[in-house]
Amino acid sequence: MKQPSIKTKLLATLGALWMRSLRIRLRVPDDFRPGILGLWHKDLLASTAAFKDKNVHILVSESSDGEFFAQAAKQLHYEVTRGSDTHGATNVRHLLKSLKNNRFVGMALDGPHGPALQVKPGSLWLSKASGQPLWLFCIKYGKHFRLNGWDNFIIPLPLTAIDIEIKYLLPENIQNKETQP
């Protein structure tokens, strides 16, 4: 596998420091336990900041943007597997082993290319195959800005406060729209 460039490593270090600066207030249900941490692609930075240093196993796109994010996530002590529902879909199976070892895994529910807020099949398959719950990040941001892309990616400003509520996502209740607290 090709080694990341010095530029990618430097940007990833800055990204990891940025995510470490976020002030996360996390609320979890009483029955919260290891399972699939599902997030919308637009919430990638805040979601990653929420579980830094917890040795969560995540699935990251094989794109060049994914390389930057994978390097930043590794600096935040995530185990990273590269792939997605559409490209490298078999790599979703690597997360299954972590789930069976009672670990959290994470992935963007709407994948690396969308459409935004529409659940792709990988997370549902993973929940069913492992018997583990699928959790959804419901996020309220402090100061932030949005990019004009397919997902309206959110970039929280450094040191901003972010409220994250984790909710159990029942597969039969997925309506392919964002669920808010």
N, C-alpha and C. Protein backbone atom coordinates (compact mmCIF):
# COMPACT_ATOMS: atom_id res chain seq x y z
N MET A 1 0.83 -1.17 0.00
CA MET A 1 0.00 0.00 0.00
C MET A 1 0.89 1.25 0.00
N LYS A 2 0.51 2.25 -0.77
CA LYS A 2 1.27 3.48 -0.90
C LYS A 2 1.24 4.27 0.40
N GLN A 3 2.40 4.77 0.81
CA GLN A 3 2.52 5.58 2.02
C GLN A 3 1.95 6.98 1.77
N PRO A 4 1.30 7.56 2.76
CA PRO A 4 0.78 8.92 2.59
C PRO A 4 1.91 9.93 2.45
N SER A 5 1.65 11.00 1.70
CA SER A 5 2.66 12.04 1.50
C SER A 5 2.88 12.83 2.79
N ILE A 6 3.96 13.55 2.83
CA ILE A 6 4.25 14.41 3.98
C ILE A 6 3.16 15.46 4.13
N LYS A 7 2.69 15.99 3.01
CA LYS A 7 1.61 16.98 3.04
C LYS A 7 0.36 16.39 3.68
N THR A 8 -0.01 15.16 3.28
CA THR A 8 -1.18 14.50 3.86
C THR A 8 -1.00 14.27 5.35
N LYS A 9 0.18 13.83 5.75
CA LYS A 9 0.46 13.60 7.17
C LYS A 9 0.37 14.89 7.97
N LEU A 10 0.91 15.99 7.42
CA LEU A 10 0.86 17.27 8.11
C LEU A 10 -0.58 17.77 8.23
N LEU A 11 -1.35 17.70 7.16
CA LEU A 11 -2.75 18.12 7.20
C LEU A 11 -3.55 17.24 8.16
N ALA A 12 -3.25 15.95 8.18
CA ALA A 12 -3.94 15.04 9.09
C ALA A 12 -3.63 15.39 10.55
N THR A 13 -2.40 15.75 10.84
CA THR A 13 -2.03 16.16 12.20
C THR A 13 -2.80 17.41 12.60
N LEU A 14 -2.88 18.39 11.70
CA LEU A 14 -3.65 19.60 11.98
C LEU A 14 -5.14 19.27 12.17
N GLY A 15 -5.66 18.37 11.34
CA GLY A 15 -7.06 17.94 11.48
C GLY A 15 -7.32 17.26 12.81
N ALA A 16 -6.40 16.41 13.22
CA ALA A 16 -6.55 15.71 14.50
C ALA A 16 -6.51 16.70 15.67
N LEU A 17 -5.60 17.66 15.59
CA LEU A 17 -5.55 18.70 16.64
C LEU A 17 -6.83 19.51 16.66
N TRP A 18 -7.36 19.82 15.49
CA TRP A 18 -8.62 20.56 15.38
C TRP A 18 -9.74 19.78 16.07
N MET A 19 -9.84 18.49 15.75
CA MET A 19 -10.89 17.66 16.35
C MET A 19 -10.70 17.52 17.86
N ARG A 20 -9.47 17.48 18.33
CA ARG A 20 -9.21 17.41 19.77
C ARG A 20 -9.66 18.69 20.49
N SER A 21 -9.71 19.81 19.75
CA SER A 21 -10.09 21.08 20.37
C SER A 21 -11.60 21.21 20.59
N LEU A 22 -12.38 20.37 19.93
CA LEU A 22 -13.84 20.49 20.03
C LEU A 22 -14.31 20.05 21.42
N ARG A 23 -15.25 20.78 21.97
CA ARG A 23 -15.78 20.48 23.30
C ARG A 23 -17.07 19.68 23.14
N ILE A 24 -16.95 18.39 23.22
CA ILE A 24 -18.06 17.47 22.98
C ILE A 24 -18.82 17.19 24.27
N ARG A 25 -20.13 17.36 24.22
CA ARG A 25 -21.01 16.95 25.33
C ARG A 25 -21.83 15.78 24.78
N LEU A 26 -21.55 14.60 25.29
CA LEU A 26 -22.13 13.37 24.78
C LEU A 26 -23.20 12.84 25.72
N ARG A 27 -24.37 12.53 25.16
CA ARG A 27 -25.45 11.88 25.92
C ARG A 27 -25.73 10.55 25.26
N VAL A 28 -25.72 9.51 26.09
CA VAL A 28 -25.96 8.16 25.58
C VAL A 28 -27.13 7.54 26.34
N PRO A 29 -27.85 6.62 25.71
CA PRO A 29 -28.95 5.95 26.43
C PRO A 29 -28.41 5.02 27.51
N ASP A 30 -29.27 4.67 28.45
CA ASP A 30 -28.88 3.79 29.55
C ASP A 30 -28.37 2.44 29.06
N ASP A 31 -28.92 1.96 27.93
CA ASP A 31 -28.53 0.65 27.42
C ASP A 31 -27.43 0.72 26.36
N PHE A 32 -26.70 1.82 26.31
CA PHE A 32 -25.63 2.01 25.32
C PHE A 32 -24.55 0.96 25.53
N ARG A 33 -24.21 0.28 24.45
CA ARG A 33 -23.20 -0.78 24.50
C ARG A 33 -22.55 -0.89 23.12
N PRO A 34 -21.45 -1.64 22.99
CA PRO A 34 -20.79 -1.74 21.70
C PRO A 34 -21.74 -2.14 20.57
N GLY A 35 -21.54 -1.50 19.45
CA GLY A 35 -22.35 -1.73 18.26
C GLY A 35 -21.82 -0.85 17.14
N ILE A 36 -22.67 -0.56 16.18
CA ILE A 36 -22.30 0.26 15.02
C ILE A 36 -22.64 1.71 15.31
N LEU A 37 -21.64 2.57 15.25
CA LEU A 37 -21.84 4.01 15.42
C LEU A 37 -22.11 4.58 14.03
N GLY A 38 -23.37 4.89 13.77
CA GLY A 38 -23.77 5.39 12.46
C GLY A 38 -23.86 6.90 12.47
N LEU A 39 -23.27 7.51 11.47
CA LEU A 39 -23.29 8.96 11.37
C LEU A 39 -23.61 9.36 9.95
N TRP A 40 -24.04 10.58 9.79
CA TRP A 40 -24.21 11.13 8.44
C TRP A 40 -22.87 11.70 8.02
N HIS A 41 -22.54 11.58 6.75
CA HIS A 41 -21.25 12.02 6.24
C HIS A 41 -20.97 13.48 6.63
N LYS A 42 -21.97 14.32 6.64
CA LYS A 42 -21.79 15.74 6.96
C LYS A 42 -21.28 15.94 8.38
N ASP A 43 -21.49 14.97 9.25
CA ASP A 43 -21.11 15.07 10.67
C ASP A 43 -19.83 14.34 11.01
N LEU A 44 -19.03 14.04 10.02
CA LEU A 44 -17.83 13.21 10.20
C LEU A 44 -16.87 13.77 11.24
N LEU A 45 -16.60 15.07 11.22
CA LEU A 45 -15.61 15.63 12.14
C LEU A 45 -16.08 15.57 13.59
N ALA A 46 -17.31 16.01 13.85
CA ALA A 46 -17.82 15.99 15.22
C ALA A 46 -17.95 14.57 15.75
N SER A 47 -18.42 13.66 14.91
CA SER A 47 -18.57 12.26 15.34
C SER A 47 -17.23 11.64 15.68
N THR A 48 -16.22 11.95 14.89
CA THR A 48 -14.88 11.42 15.14
C THR A 48 -14.31 12.00 16.44
N ALA A 49 -14.55 13.28 16.67
CA ALA A 49 -14.08 13.91 17.91
C ALA A 49 -14.73 13.27 19.14
N ALA A 50 -15.97 12.83 18.99
CA ALA A 50 -16.71 12.28 20.13
C ALA A 50 -16.12 10.98 20.66
N PHE A 51 -15.53 10.15 19.80
CA PHE A 51 -15.03 8.85 20.23
C PHE A 51 -13.52 8.70 20.06
N LYS A 52 -12.82 9.83 20.06
CA LYS A 52 -11.36 9.77 19.98
C LYS A 52 -10.81 9.02 21.18
N ASP A 53 -9.70 8.37 20.99
CA ASP A 53 -8.99 7.64 22.05
C ASP A 53 -9.78 6.47 22.64
N LYS A 54 -10.76 5.96 21.92
CA LYS A 54 -11.57 4.83 22.41
C LYS A 54 -11.34 3.55 21.60
N ASN A 55 -10.36 3.56 20.68
CA ASN A 55 -10.02 2.38 19.88
C ASN A 55 -11.22 1.84 19.10
N VAL A 56 -11.99 2.75 18.52
CA VAL A 56 -13.12 2.36 17.67
C VAL A 56 -12.57 1.96 16.30
N HIS A 57 -13.14 0.95 15.71
CA HIS A 57 -12.76 0.48 14.37
C HIS A 57 -13.69 1.14 13.35
N ILE A 58 -13.14 1.89 12.41
CA ILE A 58 -13.97 2.62 11.45
C ILE A 58 -13.67 2.24 10.02
N LEU A 59 -14.66 2.47 9.18
CA LEU A 59 -14.54 2.27 7.74
C LEU A 59 -14.39 3.64 7.10
N VAL A 60 -13.32 3.83 6.32
CA VAL A 60 -13.02 5.10 5.69
C VAL A 60 -12.86 4.88 4.19
N SER A 61 -13.42 5.79 3.42
CA SER A 61 -13.36 5.74 1.95
C SER A 61 -11.93 5.57 1.45
N GLU A 62 -11.78 4.93 0.30
CA GLU A 62 -10.47 4.75 -0.32
C GLU A 62 -10.06 5.94 -1.18
N SER A 63 -10.82 7.03 -1.13
CA SER A 63 -10.53 8.23 -1.92
C SER A 63 -9.33 8.99 -1.34
N SER A 64 -8.87 10.02 -2.06
CA SER A 64 -7.77 10.84 -1.54
C SER A 64 -8.21 11.63 -0.31
N ASP A 65 -9.46 12.11 -0.27
CA ASP A 65 -9.99 12.75 0.94
C ASP A 65 -10.01 11.75 2.09
N GLY A 66 -10.36 10.51 1.76
CA GLY A 66 -10.38 9.45 2.76
C GLY A 66 -8.99 9.20 3.33
N GLU A 67 -7.95 9.35 2.51
CA GLU A 67 -6.58 9.16 3.00
C GLU A 67 -6.24 10.19 4.07
N PHE A 68 -6.59 11.44 3.82
CA PHE A 68 -6.37 12.48 4.82
C PHE A 68 -7.12 12.13 6.11
N PHE A 69 -8.39 11.77 5.97
CA PHE A 69 -9.19 11.47 7.15
C PHE A 69 -8.67 10.22 7.87
N ALA A 70 -8.27 9.19 7.13
CA ALA A 70 -7.75 7.97 7.74
C ALA A 70 -6.51 8.28 8.59
N GLN A 71 -5.63 9.12 8.08
CA GLN A 71 -4.42 9.48 8.83
C GLN A 71 -4.77 10.26 10.10
N ALA A 72 -5.72 11.19 9.99
CA ALA A 72 -6.15 11.96 11.18
C ALA A 72 -6.79 11.03 12.21
N ALA A 73 -7.64 10.11 11.74
CA ALA A 73 -8.31 9.17 12.65
C ALA A 73 -7.31 8.28 13.37
N LYS A 74 -6.29 7.85 12.69
CA LYS A 74 -5.26 7.02 13.34
C LYS A 74 -4.58 7.80 14.46
N GLN A 75 -4.36 9.10 14.26
CA GLN A 75 -3.75 9.93 15.30
C GLN A 75 -4.68 10.10 16.49
N LEU A 76 -5.98 9.89 16.27
CA LEU A 76 -6.97 9.96 17.35
C LEU A 76 -7.26 8.57 17.93
N HIS A 77 -6.41 7.60 17.57
CA HIS A 77 -6.45 6.23 18.09
C HIS A 77 -7.64 5.41 17.60
N TYR A 78 -8.02 5.61 16.36
CA TYR A 78 -9.01 4.76 15.71
C TYR A 78 -8.28 3.67 14.94
N GLU A 79 -8.89 2.50 14.86
CA GLU A 79 -8.42 1.47 13.93
C GLU A 79 -9.15 1.72 12.62
N VAL A 80 -8.42 1.79 11.53
CA VAL A 80 -9.01 2.19 10.25
C VAL A 80 -8.95 1.06 9.24
N THR A 81 -10.10 0.78 8.62
CA THR A 81 -10.18 -0.11 7.47
C THR A 81 -10.66 0.75 6.31
N ARG A 82 -10.01 0.63 5.16
CA ARG A 82 -10.38 1.44 4.00
C ARG A 82 -11.38 0.68 3.14
N GLY A 83 -12.39 1.38 2.64
CA GLY A 83 -13.43 0.79 1.79
C GLY A 83 -14.73 1.53 1.95
N SER A 84 -15.77 1.05 1.29
CA SER A 84 -17.10 1.66 1.38
C SER A 84 -18.14 0.67 0.90
N ASP A 85 -19.40 1.08 0.94
CA ASP A 85 -20.47 0.22 0.43
C ASP A 85 -20.35 -0.01 -1.07
N THR A 86 -19.80 0.98 -1.78
CA THR A 86 -19.76 0.88 -3.24
C THR A 86 -18.41 0.43 -3.77
N HIS A 87 -17.32 0.87 -3.14
CA HIS A 87 -15.98 0.50 -3.59
C HIS A 87 -15.25 -0.14 -2.41
N GLY A 88 -14.96 -1.40 -2.52
CA GLY A 88 -14.34 -2.09 -1.40
C GLY A 88 -15.37 -2.58 -0.40
N ALA A 89 -16.58 -2.88 -0.87
CA ALA A 89 -17.68 -3.26 0.03
C ALA A 89 -17.33 -4.48 0.89
N THR A 90 -16.50 -5.35 0.38
CA THR A 90 -16.14 -6.52 1.18
C THR A 90 -15.38 -6.13 2.45
N ASN A 91 -14.81 -4.94 2.46
CA ASN A 91 -14.08 -4.48 3.64
C ASN A 91 -15.00 -4.21 4.82
N VAL A 92 -16.30 -4.05 4.57
CA VAL A 92 -17.27 -3.90 5.66
C VAL A 92 -17.20 -5.13 6.56
N ARG A 93 -16.88 -6.26 5.98
CA ARG A 93 -16.79 -7.51 6.75
C ARG A 93 -15.68 -7.48 7.80
N HIS A 94 -14.64 -6.65 7.58
CA HIS A 94 -13.57 -6.55 8.58
C HIS A 94 -14.10 -5.97 9.89
N LEU A 95 -15.13 -5.13 9.80
CA LEU A 95 -15.72 -4.55 11.00
C LEU A 95 -16.47 -5.60 11.82
N LEU A 96 -16.96 -6.63 11.14
CA LEU A 96 -17.72 -7.69 11.80
C LEU A 96 -16.90 -8.36 12.91
N LYS A 97 -15.63 -8.61 12.64
CA LYS A 97 -14.76 -9.25 13.64
C LYS A 97 -14.66 -8.37 14.90
N SER A 98 -14.52 -7.07 14.71
CA SER A 98 -14.44 -6.16 15.86
C SER A 98 -15.74 -6.19 16.66
N LEU A 99 -16.87 -6.21 15.96
CA LEU A 99 -18.16 -6.27 16.65
C LEU A 99 -18.28 -7.55 17.46
N LYS A 100 -17.82 -8.65 16.88
CA LYS A 100 -17.89 -9.93 17.59
C LYS A 100 -16.94 -9.97 18.79
N ASN A 101 -15.95 -9.06 18.80
CA ASN A 101 -15.04 -8.93 19.94
C ASN A 101 -15.50 -7.83 20.89
N ASN A 102 -16.79 -7.48 20.79
CA ASN A 102 -17.42 -6.52 21.70
C ASN A 102 -16.80 -5.13 21.63
N ARG A 103 -16.49 -4.69 20.40
CA ARG A 103 -15.94 -3.35 20.18
C ARG A 103 -16.94 -2.50 19.41
N PHE A 104 -16.78 -1.19 19.50
CA PHE A 104 -17.55 -0.28 18.66
C PHE A 104 -16.91 -0.21 17.28
N VAL A 105 -17.75 -0.07 16.27
CA VAL A 105 -17.28 0.22 14.92
C VAL A 105 -18.07 1.44 14.43
N GLY A 106 -17.53 2.14 13.45
CA GLY A 106 -18.20 3.33 12.96
C GLY A 106 -18.16 3.43 11.45
N MET A 107 -19.23 4.03 10.90
CA MET A 107 -19.28 4.25 9.46
C MET A 107 -20.33 5.29 9.12
N ALA A 108 -20.11 5.95 7.99
CA ALA A 108 -21.09 6.92 7.51
C ALA A 108 -22.26 6.16 6.91
N LEU A 109 -23.45 6.41 7.42
CA LEU A 109 -24.64 5.69 6.95
C LEU A 109 -24.93 5.98 5.48
N ASP A 110 -24.63 7.20 5.03
CA ASP A 110 -24.91 7.58 3.65
C ASP A 110 -23.68 7.43 2.75
N GLY A 111 -22.66 6.74 3.24
CA GLY A 111 -21.50 6.42 2.44
C GLY A 111 -20.65 7.62 2.07
N PRO A 112 -19.65 7.40 1.20
CA PRO A 112 -18.73 8.48 0.85
C PRO A 112 -19.24 9.41 -0.25
N HIS A 113 -20.31 9.02 -0.94
CA HIS A 113 -20.79 9.81 -2.08
C HIS A 113 -22.28 10.06 -2.08
N GLY A 114 -22.98 9.61 -1.04
CA GLY A 114 -24.42 9.88 -0.95
C GLY A 114 -25.27 8.95 -1.76
N PRO A 115 -26.50 9.35 -1.98
CA PRO A 115 -27.08 10.64 -1.65
C PRO A 115 -27.15 10.87 -0.15
N ALA A 116 -27.10 12.15 0.21
CA ALA A 116 -27.06 12.55 1.61
C ALA A 116 -28.29 12.08 2.36
N LEU A 117 -28.06 11.64 3.59
CA LEU A 117 -29.11 11.25 4.53
C LEU A 117 -29.93 10.05 4.07
N GLN A 118 -29.36 9.24 3.18
CA GLN A 118 -30.00 8.00 2.76
C GLN A 118 -29.10 6.84 3.18
N VAL A 119 -29.64 5.96 3.99
CA VAL A 119 -28.87 4.86 4.55
C VAL A 119 -28.52 3.85 3.46
N LYS A 120 -27.22 3.54 3.38
CA LYS A 120 -26.73 2.51 2.47
C LYS A 120 -26.85 1.16 3.18
N PRO A 121 -26.77 0.06 2.45
CA PRO A 121 -27.03 -1.26 3.06
C PRO A 121 -25.96 -1.80 4.00
N GLY A 122 -24.72 -1.29 3.94
CA GLY A 122 -23.64 -1.87 4.73
C GLY A 122 -23.88 -1.88 6.22
N SER A 123 -24.34 -0.77 6.77
CA SER A 123 -24.55 -0.69 8.22
C SER A 123 -25.70 -1.60 8.66
N LEU A 124 -26.72 -1.70 7.84
CA LEU A 124 -27.85 -2.58 8.17
C LEU A 124 -27.41 -4.04 8.13
N TRP A 125 -26.63 -4.41 7.12
CA TRP A 125 -26.11 -5.77 7.03
C TRP A 125 -25.24 -6.08 8.25
N LEU A 126 -24.38 -5.12 8.62
CA LEU A 126 -23.47 -5.32 9.74
C LEU A 126 -24.24 -5.54 11.04
N SER A 127 -25.29 -4.76 11.26
CA SER A 127 -26.10 -4.91 12.47
C SER A 127 -26.76 -6.28 12.51
N LYS A 128 -27.33 -6.68 11.38
CA LYS A 128 -28.02 -7.97 11.32
C LYS A 128 -27.03 -9.13 11.47
N ALA A 129 -25.88 -9.06 10.78
CA ALA A 129 -24.90 -10.15 10.81
C ALA A 129 -24.26 -10.31 12.19
N SER A 130 -24.11 -9.20 12.90
CA SER A 130 -23.43 -9.26 14.20
C SER A 130 -24.41 -9.38 15.37
N GLY A 131 -25.66 -9.02 15.16
CA GLY A 131 -26.63 -8.99 16.25
C GLY A 131 -26.40 -7.81 17.18
N GLN A 132 -25.60 -6.85 16.74
CA GLN A 132 -25.28 -5.68 17.57
C GLN A 132 -26.14 -4.49 17.14
N PRO A 133 -26.38 -3.55 18.06
CA PRO A 133 -27.23 -2.41 17.75
C PRO A 133 -26.58 -1.42 16.80
N LEU A 134 -27.43 -0.68 16.10
CA LEU A 134 -27.00 0.41 15.24
C LEU A 134 -27.39 1.71 15.94
N TRP A 135 -26.38 2.51 16.26
CA TRP A 135 -26.59 3.76 16.99
C TRP A 135 -26.46 4.93 16.02
N LEU A 136 -27.24 5.97 16.23
CA LEU A 136 -27.23 7.15 15.36
C LEU A 136 -26.77 8.37 16.14
N PHE A 137 -25.85 9.13 15.57
CA PHE A 137 -25.40 10.39 16.12
C PHE A 137 -26.40 11.48 15.74
N CYS A 138 -26.95 12.17 16.71
CA CYS A 138 -27.83 13.33 16.50
C CYS A 138 -27.08 14.53 17.07
N ILE A 139 -26.69 15.45 16.21
CA ILE A 139 -25.72 16.48 16.58
C ILE A 139 -26.31 17.89 16.48
N LYS A 140 -25.99 18.69 17.50
CA LYS A 140 -26.31 20.12 17.50
C LYS A 140 -24.99 20.87 17.66
N TYR A 141 -24.71 21.72 16.70
CA TYR A 141 -23.43 22.41 16.63
C TYR A 141 -23.47 23.79 17.27
N GLY A 142 -22.31 24.17 17.84
CA GLY A 142 -22.06 25.55 18.20
C GLY A 142 -21.64 26.26 16.92
N LYS A 143 -20.60 27.02 16.97
CA LYS A 143 -20.14 27.78 15.79
C LYS A 143 -19.55 26.83 14.75
N HIS A 144 -20.01 26.99 13.52
CA HIS A 144 -19.57 26.11 12.44
C HIS A 144 -19.87 26.77 11.10
N PHE A 145 -19.39 26.13 10.04
CA PHE A 145 -19.80 26.52 8.69
C PHE A 145 -20.01 25.25 7.88
N ARG A 146 -20.73 25.41 6.76
CA ARG A 146 -21.05 24.27 5.89
C ARG A 146 -20.39 24.45 4.53
N LEU A 147 -19.96 23.34 3.97
CA LEU A 147 -19.44 23.35 2.61
C LEU A 147 -20.59 23.09 1.64
N ASN A 148 -20.47 23.61 0.45
CA ASN A 148 -21.51 23.38 -0.58
C ASN A 148 -21.15 22.14 -1.39
N GLY A 149 -21.41 20.99 -0.84
CA GLY A 149 -21.17 19.73 -1.53
C GLY A 149 -22.42 18.87 -1.45
N TRP A 150 -22.31 17.63 -1.87
CA TRP A 150 -23.47 16.74 -1.89
C TRP A 150 -24.04 16.53 -0.49
N ASP A 151 -23.20 16.64 0.54
CA ASP A 151 -23.63 16.33 1.91
C ASP A 151 -23.76 17.56 2.80
N ASN A 152 -23.41 18.77 2.31
CA ASN A 152 -23.37 19.98 3.14
C ASN A 152 -22.49 19.76 4.37
N PHE A 153 -21.30 19.24 4.13
CA PHE A 153 -20.33 18.89 5.16
C PHE A 153 -20.18 20.03 6.16
N ILE A 154 -20.21 19.69 7.45
CA ILE A 154 -20.13 20.69 8.52
C ILE A 154 -18.73 20.71 9.11
N ILE A 155 -18.17 21.92 9.19
CA ILE A 155 -16.87 22.10 9.81
C ILE A 155 -17.07 22.97 11.05
N PRO A 156 -16.99 22.35 12.23
CA PRO A 156 -17.11 23.12 13.47
C PRO A 156 -15.85 23.93 13.69
N LEU A 157 -16.01 25.14 14.19
CA LEU A 157 -14.84 25.97 14.48
C LEU A 157 -14.10 25.41 15.68
N PRO A 158 -12.78 25.60 15.73
CA PRO A 158 -12.02 25.09 16.87
C PRO A 158 -12.59 25.62 18.18
N LEU A 159 -12.53 24.80 19.20
CA LEU A 159 -12.96 25.11 20.57
C LEU A 159 -14.47 25.26 20.72
N THR A 160 -15.25 25.02 19.68
CA THR A 160 -16.70 25.17 19.80
C THR A 160 -17.30 24.01 20.58
N ALA A 161 -18.45 24.27 21.20
CA ALA A 161 -19.17 23.22 21.93
C ALA A 161 -20.13 22.52 20.98
N ILE A 162 -20.21 21.21 21.13
CA ILE A 162 -21.07 20.38 20.28
C ILE A 162 -21.81 19.41 21.18
N ASP A 163 -23.14 19.38 21.04
CA ASP A 163 -23.96 18.43 21.77
C ASP A 163 -24.26 17.24 20.87
N ILE A 164 -23.96 16.05 21.36
CA ILE A 164 -24.22 14.83 20.60
C ILE A 164 -25.07 13.91 21.45
N GLU A 165 -26.20 13.53 20.89
CA GLU A 165 -27.05 12.53 21.53
C GLU A 165 -26.99 11.27 20.67
N ILE A 166 -26.75 10.15 21.32
CA ILE A 166 -26.72 8.86 20.63
C ILE A 166 -28.09 8.21 20.82
N LYS A 167 -28.68 7.77 19.71
CA LYS A 167 -29.98 7.11 19.76
C LYS A 167 -29.89 5.75 19.08
N TYR A 168 -30.70 4.82 19.59
CA TYR A 168 -30.80 3.51 18.97
C TYR A 168 -31.58 3.65 17.67
N LEU A 169 -31.04 3.14 16.59
CA LEU A 169 -31.69 3.23 15.29
C LEU A 169 -32.26 1.87 14.93
N LEU A 170 -33.57 1.77 14.96
CA LEU A 170 -34.23 0.52 14.57
C LEU A 170 -34.24 0.43 13.05
N PRO A 171 -33.71 -0.65 12.48
CA PRO A 171 -33.67 -0.76 11.02
C PRO A 171 -35.04 -0.57 10.36
N GLU A 172 -36.10 -1.05 11.00
CA GLU A 172 -37.43 -0.91 10.40
C GLU A 172 -37.96 0.53 10.47
N ASN A 173 -37.29 1.38 11.25
CA ASN A 173 -37.72 2.78 11.36
C ASN A 173 -36.94 3.72 10.47
N ILE A 174 -36.03 3.21 9.68
CA ILE A 174 -35.24 4.07 8.81
C ILE A 174 -36.13 4.60 7.71
N GLN A 175 -36.20 5.92 7.63
CA GLN A 175 -37.04 6.57 6.62
C GLN A 175 -36.20 7.35 5.65
N ASN A 176 -34.87 7.10 5.61
CA ASN A 176 -33.96 7.80 4.73
C ASN A 176 -34.06 9.31 4.85
N LYS A 177 -34.15 9.77 6.08
CA LYS A 177 -34.05 11.20 6.36
C LYS A 177 -33.36 11.35 7.69
N GLU A 178 -32.88 12.52 7.92
CA GLU A 178 -32.12 12.77 9.14
C GLU A 178 -33.03 12.65 10.36
N THR A 179 -32.51 12.00 11.39
CA THR A 179 -33.23 11.88 12.66
C THR A 179 -32.59 12.87 13.62
N GLN A 180 -33.39 13.74 14.20
CA GLN A 180 -32.89 14.75 15.12
C GLN A 180 -33.41 14.46 16.52
N PRO A 181 -32.68 14.93 17.54
CA PRO A 181 -33.14 14.74 18.93
C PRO A 181 -34.39 15.56 19.21
